[in-house]
Every structure is written in structure tokens, then in C-alpha cells.
Amino acid sequence: MIGSLVISRQQMGTLEIVVLHYTGCRAQTFENKGFRQYLKKELGVNVGN
């Protein structure tokens, strides 16, 4: 879920959120390695291995 929020904020400029329980979210298909690389490139954040 945190990954979805980061993407929404950084890519779409989201300022407010609503939290709902939902299964089948496509954000769950992101791979950790690619998402870590994105965070480092876009935010300068190193989240480890």
C-alpha cells in the first residue's frame, strides 16, 4: 500500500487519500527491485536490498 501512495504522490501529485480495503490492486504487481530503483532515481532514497 505504501508503494501505491508513493507512486500516486510522485507521478500524479495526489494531495489527499482515502483508505479502503481492496484486493486485486495492480500496484501489487510491481517488483521490489524495480520499485527500489525508481525510489532511488526519483527521490534519492535507498531502501536496501
PDB file of N, CA and C in Angstrom:
ATOM      1  N   MET A   1       0.817  -1.192   0.000  1.00  0.00           N
ATOM      2  CA  MET A   1       0.000   0.000   0.000  1.00  0.00           C
ATOM      3  C   MET A   1       0.863   1.259   0.000  1.00  0.00           C
ATOM      4  N   ILE A   2       1.940   1.257   0.759  1.00  0.00           N
ATOM      5  CA  ILE A   2       2.807   2.426   0.808  1.00  0.00           C
ATOM      6  C   ILE A   2       3.374   2.724  -0.574  1.00  0.00           C
ATOM      7  N   GLY A   3       3.739   1.663  -1.290  1.00  0.00           N
ATOM      8  CA  GLY A   3       4.256   1.862  -2.644  1.00  0.00           C
ATOM      9  C   GLY A   3       3.246   2.554  -3.544  1.00  0.00           C
ATOM     10  N   SER A   4       1.991   2.169  -3.438  1.00  0.00           N
ATOM     11  CA  SER A   4       0.938   2.801  -4.229  1.00  0.00           C
ATOM     12  C   SER A   4       0.815   4.280  -3.899  1.00  0.00           C
ATOM     13  N   LEU A   5       0.940   4.619  -2.623  1.00  0.00           N
ATOM     14  CA  LEU A   5       0.842   6.020  -2.212  1.00  0.00           C
ATOM     15  C   LEU A   5       2.013   6.840  -2.738  1.00  0.00           C
ATOM     16  N   VAL A   6       3.197   6.258  -2.698  1.00  0.00           N
ATOM     17  CA  VAL A   6       4.375   6.963  -3.208  1.00  0.00           C
ATOM     18  C   VAL A   6       4.220   7.221  -4.701  1.00  0.00           C
ATOM     19  N   ILE A   7       3.801   6.217  -5.438  1.00  0.00           N
ATOM     20  CA  ILE A   7       3.605   6.375  -6.881  1.00  0.00           C
ATOM     21  C   ILE A   7       2.546   7.429  -7.164  1.00  0.00           C
ATOM     22  N   SER A   8       1.440   7.365  -6.459  1.00  0.00           N
ATOM     23  CA  SER A   8       0.366   8.325  -6.664  1.00  0.00           C
ATOM     24  C   SER A   8       0.835   9.744  -6.390  1.00  0.00           C
ATOM     25  N   ARG A   9       1.553   9.933  -5.308  1.00  0.00           N
ATOM     26  CA  ARG A   9       2.038  11.270  -4.939  1.00  0.00           C
ATOM     27  C   ARG A   9       3.072  11.777  -5.933  1.00  0.00           C
ATOM     28  N   GLN A  10       4.031  10.943  -6.282  1.00  0.00           N
ATOM     29  CA  GLN A  10       5.134  11.378  -7.130  1.00  0.00           C
ATOM     30  C   GLN A  10       4.739  11.499  -8.603  1.00  0.00           C
ATOM     31  N   GLN A  11       3.927  10.602  -9.089  1.00  0.00           N
ATOM     32  CA  GLN A  11       3.596  10.593 -10.509  1.00  0.00           C
ATOM     33  C   GLN A  11       2.347  11.404 -10.839  1.00  0.00           C
ATOM     34  N   MET A  12       1.442  11.526  -9.860  1.00  0.00           N
ATOM     35  CA  MET A  12       0.164  12.158 -10.144  1.00  0.00           C
ATOM     36  C   MET A  12      -0.109  13.394  -9.290  1.00  0.00           C
ATOM     37  N   GLY A  13       0.754  13.674  -8.324  1.00  0.00           N
ATOM     38  CA  GLY A  13       0.579  14.863  -7.497  1.00  0.00           C
ATOM     39  C   GLY A  13      -0.549  14.765  -6.485  1.00  0.00           C
ATOM     40  N   THR A  14      -0.919  13.562  -6.096  1.00  0.00           N
ATOM     41  CA  THR A  14      -2.003  13.360  -5.140  1.00  0.00           C
ATOM     42  C   THR A  14      -1.717  14.082  -3.828  1.00  0.00           C
ATOM     43  N   LEU A  15      -2.712  14.785  -3.311  1.00  0.00           N
ATOM     44  CA  LEU A  15      -2.573  15.506  -2.050  1.00  0.00           C
ATOM     45  C   LEU A  15      -3.413  14.900  -0.930  1.00  0.00           C
ATOM     46  N   GLU A  16      -4.465  14.182  -1.281  1.00  0.00           N
ATOM     47  CA  GLU A  16      -5.344  13.564  -0.286  1.00  0.00           C
ATOM     48  C   GLU A  16      -5.606  12.118  -0.677  1.00  0.00           C
ATOM     49  N   ILE A  17      -5.848  11.261   0.328  1.00  0.00           N
ATOM     50  CA  ILE A  17      -6.137   9.852   0.065  1.00  0.00           C
ATOM     51  C   ILE A  17      -7.338   9.393   0.881  1.00  0.00           C
ATOM     52  N   VAL A  18      -7.948   8.321   0.431  1.00  0.00           N
ATOM     53  CA  VAL A  18      -8.990   7.612   1.168  1.00  0.00           C
ATOM     54  C   VAL A  18      -8.525   6.165   1.250  1.00  0.00           C
ATOM     55  N   VAL A  19      -8.557   5.572   2.427  1.00  0.00           N
ATOM     56  CA  VAL A  19      -8.086   4.202   2.609  1.00  0.00           C
ATOM     57  C   VAL A  19      -9.287   3.259   2.596  1.00  0.00           C
ATOM     58  N   LEU A  20      -9.262   2.299   1.656  1.00  0.00           N
ATOM     59  CA  LEU A  20     -10.302   1.279   1.526  1.00  0.00           C
ATOM     60  C   LEU A  20      -9.631  -0.083   1.461  1.00  0.00           C
ATOM     61  N   HIS A  21     -10.297  -1.109   1.946  1.00  0.00           N
ATOM     62  CA  HIS A  21      -9.776  -2.465   1.799  1.00  0.00           C
ATOM     63  C   HIS A  21     -10.143  -2.953   0.402  1.00  0.00           C
ATOM     64  N   TYR A  22      -9.129  -3.341  -0.370  1.00  0.00           N
ATOM     65  CA  TYR A  22      -9.355  -3.772  -1.744  1.00  0.00           C
ATOM     66  C   TYR A  22      -8.333  -4.838  -2.105  1.00  0.00           C
ATOM     67  N   THR A  23      -8.774  -5.904  -2.736  1.00  0.00           N
ATOM     68  CA  THR A  23      -7.851  -6.924  -3.229  1.00  0.00           C
ATOM     69  C   THR A  23      -7.839  -6.856  -4.752  1.00  0.00           C
ATOM     70  N   GLY A  24      -6.767  -7.284  -5.338  1.00  0.00           N
ATOM     71  CA  GLY A  24      -6.649  -7.259  -6.789  1.00  0.00           C
ATOM     72  C   GLY A  24      -6.062  -5.963  -7.328  1.00  0.00           C
ATOM     73  N   CYS A  25      -5.401  -5.196  -6.481  1.00  0.00           N
ATOM     74  CA  CYS A  25      -4.803  -3.932  -6.904  1.00  0.00           C
ATOM     75  C   CYS A  25      -3.611  -4.208  -7.821  1.00  0.00           C
ATOM     76  N   ARG A  26      -3.539  -3.526  -8.930  1.00  0.00           N
ATOM     77  CA  ARG A  26      -2.439  -3.747  -9.878  1.00  0.00           C
ATOM     78  C   ARG A  26      -1.105  -3.270  -9.330  1.00  0.00           C
ATOM     79  N   ALA A  27      -1.115  -2.376  -8.346  1.00  0.00           N
ATOM     80  CA  ALA A  27       0.145  -1.929  -7.743  1.00  0.00           C
ATOM     81  C   ALA A  27       0.867  -3.094  -7.066  1.00  0.00           C
ATOM     82  N   GLN A  28       0.140  -4.153  -6.742  1.00  0.00           N
ATOM     83  CA  GLN A  28       0.755  -5.318  -6.120  1.00  0.00           C
ATOM     84  C   GLN A  28       1.604  -6.107  -7.109  1.00  0.00           C
ATOM     85  N   THR A  29       1.528  -5.774  -8.371  1.00  0.00           N
ATOM     86  CA  THR A  29       2.306  -6.493  -9.379  1.00  0.00           C
ATOM     87  C   THR A  29       3.695  -5.896  -9.579  1.00  0.00           C
ATOM     88  N   PHE A  30       3.988  -4.749  -8.964  1.00  0.00           N
ATOM     89  CA  PHE A  30       5.319  -4.152  -9.083  1.00  0.00           C
ATOM     90  C   PHE A  30       6.337  -5.061  -8.418  1.00  0.00           C
ATOM     91  N   GLU A  31       7.500  -5.152  -9.018  1.00  0.00           N
ATOM     92  CA  GLU A  31       8.575  -5.949  -8.437  1.00  0.00           C
ATOM     93  C   GLU A  31       9.433  -5.072  -7.537  1.00  0.00           C
ATOM     94  N   ASN A  32       9.896  -5.638  -6.432  1.00  0.00           N
ATOM     95  CA  ASN A  32      10.674  -4.881  -5.458  1.00  0.00           C
ATOM     96  C   ASN A  32      11.900  -4.220  -6.067  1.00  0.00           C
ATOM     97  N   LYS A  33      12.653  -4.952  -6.878  1.00  0.00           N
ATOM     98  CA  LYS A  33      13.890  -4.409  -7.442  1.00  0.00           C
ATOM     99  C   LYS A  33      13.614  -3.163  -8.279  1.00  0.00           C
ATOM    100  N   GLY A  34      12.651  -3.251  -9.149  1.00  0.00           N
ATOM    101  CA  GLY A  34      12.316  -2.107  -9.995  1.00  0.00           C
ATOM    102  C   GLY A  34      11.801  -0.922  -9.199  1.00  0.00           C
ATOM    103  N   PHE A  35      11.014  -1.200  -8.172  1.00  0.00           N
ATOM    104  CA  PHE A  35      10.476  -0.117  -7.352  1.00  0.00           C
ATOM    105  C   PHE A  35      11.575   0.544  -6.529  1.00  0.00           C
ATOM    106  N   ARG A  36      12.521  -0.255  -6.021  1.00  0.00           N
ATOM    107  CA  ARG A  36      13.667   0.315  -5.293  1.00  0.00           C
ATOM    108  C   ARG A  36      14.479   1.221  -6.208  1.00  0.00           C
ATOM    109  N   GLN A  37      14.687   0.788  -7.444  1.00  0.00           N
ATOM    110  CA  GLN A  37      15.433   1.606  -8.404  1.00  0.00           C
ATOM    111  C   GLN A  37      14.699   2.916  -8.684  1.00  0.00           C
ATOM    112  N   TYR A  38      13.385   2.840  -8.820  1.00  0.00           N
ATOM    113  CA  TYR A  38      12.577   4.046  -9.041  1.00  0.00           C
ATOM    114  C   TYR A  38      12.720   5.019  -7.870  1.00  0.00           C
ATOM    115  N   LEU A  39      12.606   4.519  -6.645  1.00  0.00           N
ATOM    116  CA  LEU A  39      12.708   5.384  -5.470  1.00  0.00           C
ATOM    117  C   LEU A  39      14.070   6.059  -5.392  1.00  0.00           C
ATOM    118  N   LYS A  40      15.118   5.312  -5.705  1.00  0.00           N
ATOM    119  CA  LYS A  40      16.460   5.889  -5.660  1.00  0.00           C
ATOM    120  C   LYS A  40      16.625   6.969  -6.724  1.00  0.00           C
ATOM    121  N   LYS A  41      16.161   6.691  -7.927  1.00  0.00           N
ATOM    122  CA  LYS A  41      16.302   7.643  -9.031  1.00  0.00           C
ATOM    123  C   LYS A  41      15.457   8.896  -8.810  1.00  0.00           C
ATOM    124  N   GLU A  42      14.198   8.726  -8.478  1.00  0.00           N
ATOM    125  CA  GLU A  42      13.275   9.851  -8.393  1.00  0.00           C
ATOM    126  C   GLU A  42      13.351  10.619  -7.077  1.00  0.00           C
ATOM    127  N   LEU A  43      13.621   9.910  -5.976  1.00  0.00           N
ATOM    128  CA  LEU A  43      13.572  10.547  -4.659  1.00  0.00           C
ATOM    129  C   LEU A  43      14.911  10.582  -3.946  1.00  0.00           C
ATOM    130  N   GLY A  44      15.898   9.874  -4.511  1.00  0.00           N
ATOM    131  CA  GLY A  44      17.191   9.803  -3.845  1.00  0.00           C
ATOM    132  C   GLY A  44      17.148   8.970  -2.576  1.00  0.00           C
ATOM    133  N   VAL A  45      16.194   8.034  -2.507  1.00  0.00           N
ATOM    134  CA  VAL A  45      16.009   7.197  -1.324  1.00  0.00           C
ATOM    135  C   VAL A  45      16.552   5.808  -1.600  1.00  0.00           C
ATOM    136  N   ASN A  46      17.435   5.314  -0.740  1.00  0.00           N
ATOM    137  CA  ASN A  46      17.956   3.960  -0.863  1.00  0.00           C
ATOM    138  C   ASN A  46      17.262   3.106   0.187  1.00  0.00           C
ATOM    139  N   VAL A  47      16.399   2.191  -0.255  1.00  0.00           N
ATOM    140  CA  VAL A  47      15.630   1.369   0.674  1.00  0.00           C
ATOM    141  C   VAL A  47      16.241  -0.007   0.896  1.00  0.00           C
ATOM    142  N   GLY A  48      17.456  -0.239   0.427  1.00  0.00           N
ATOM    143  CA  GLY A  48      18.125  -1.513   0.684  1.00  0.00           C
ATOM    144  C   GLY A  48      17.835  -2.555  -0.365  1.00  0.00           C
ATOM    145  N   ASN A  49      18.192  -3.796  -0.029  1.00  0.00           N
ATOM    146  CA  ASN A  49      18.061  -4.904  -0.983  1.00  0.00           C
ATOM    147  C   ASN A  49      16.758  -5.586  -0.826  1.00  0.00           C
TER     148      ASN A  49
END
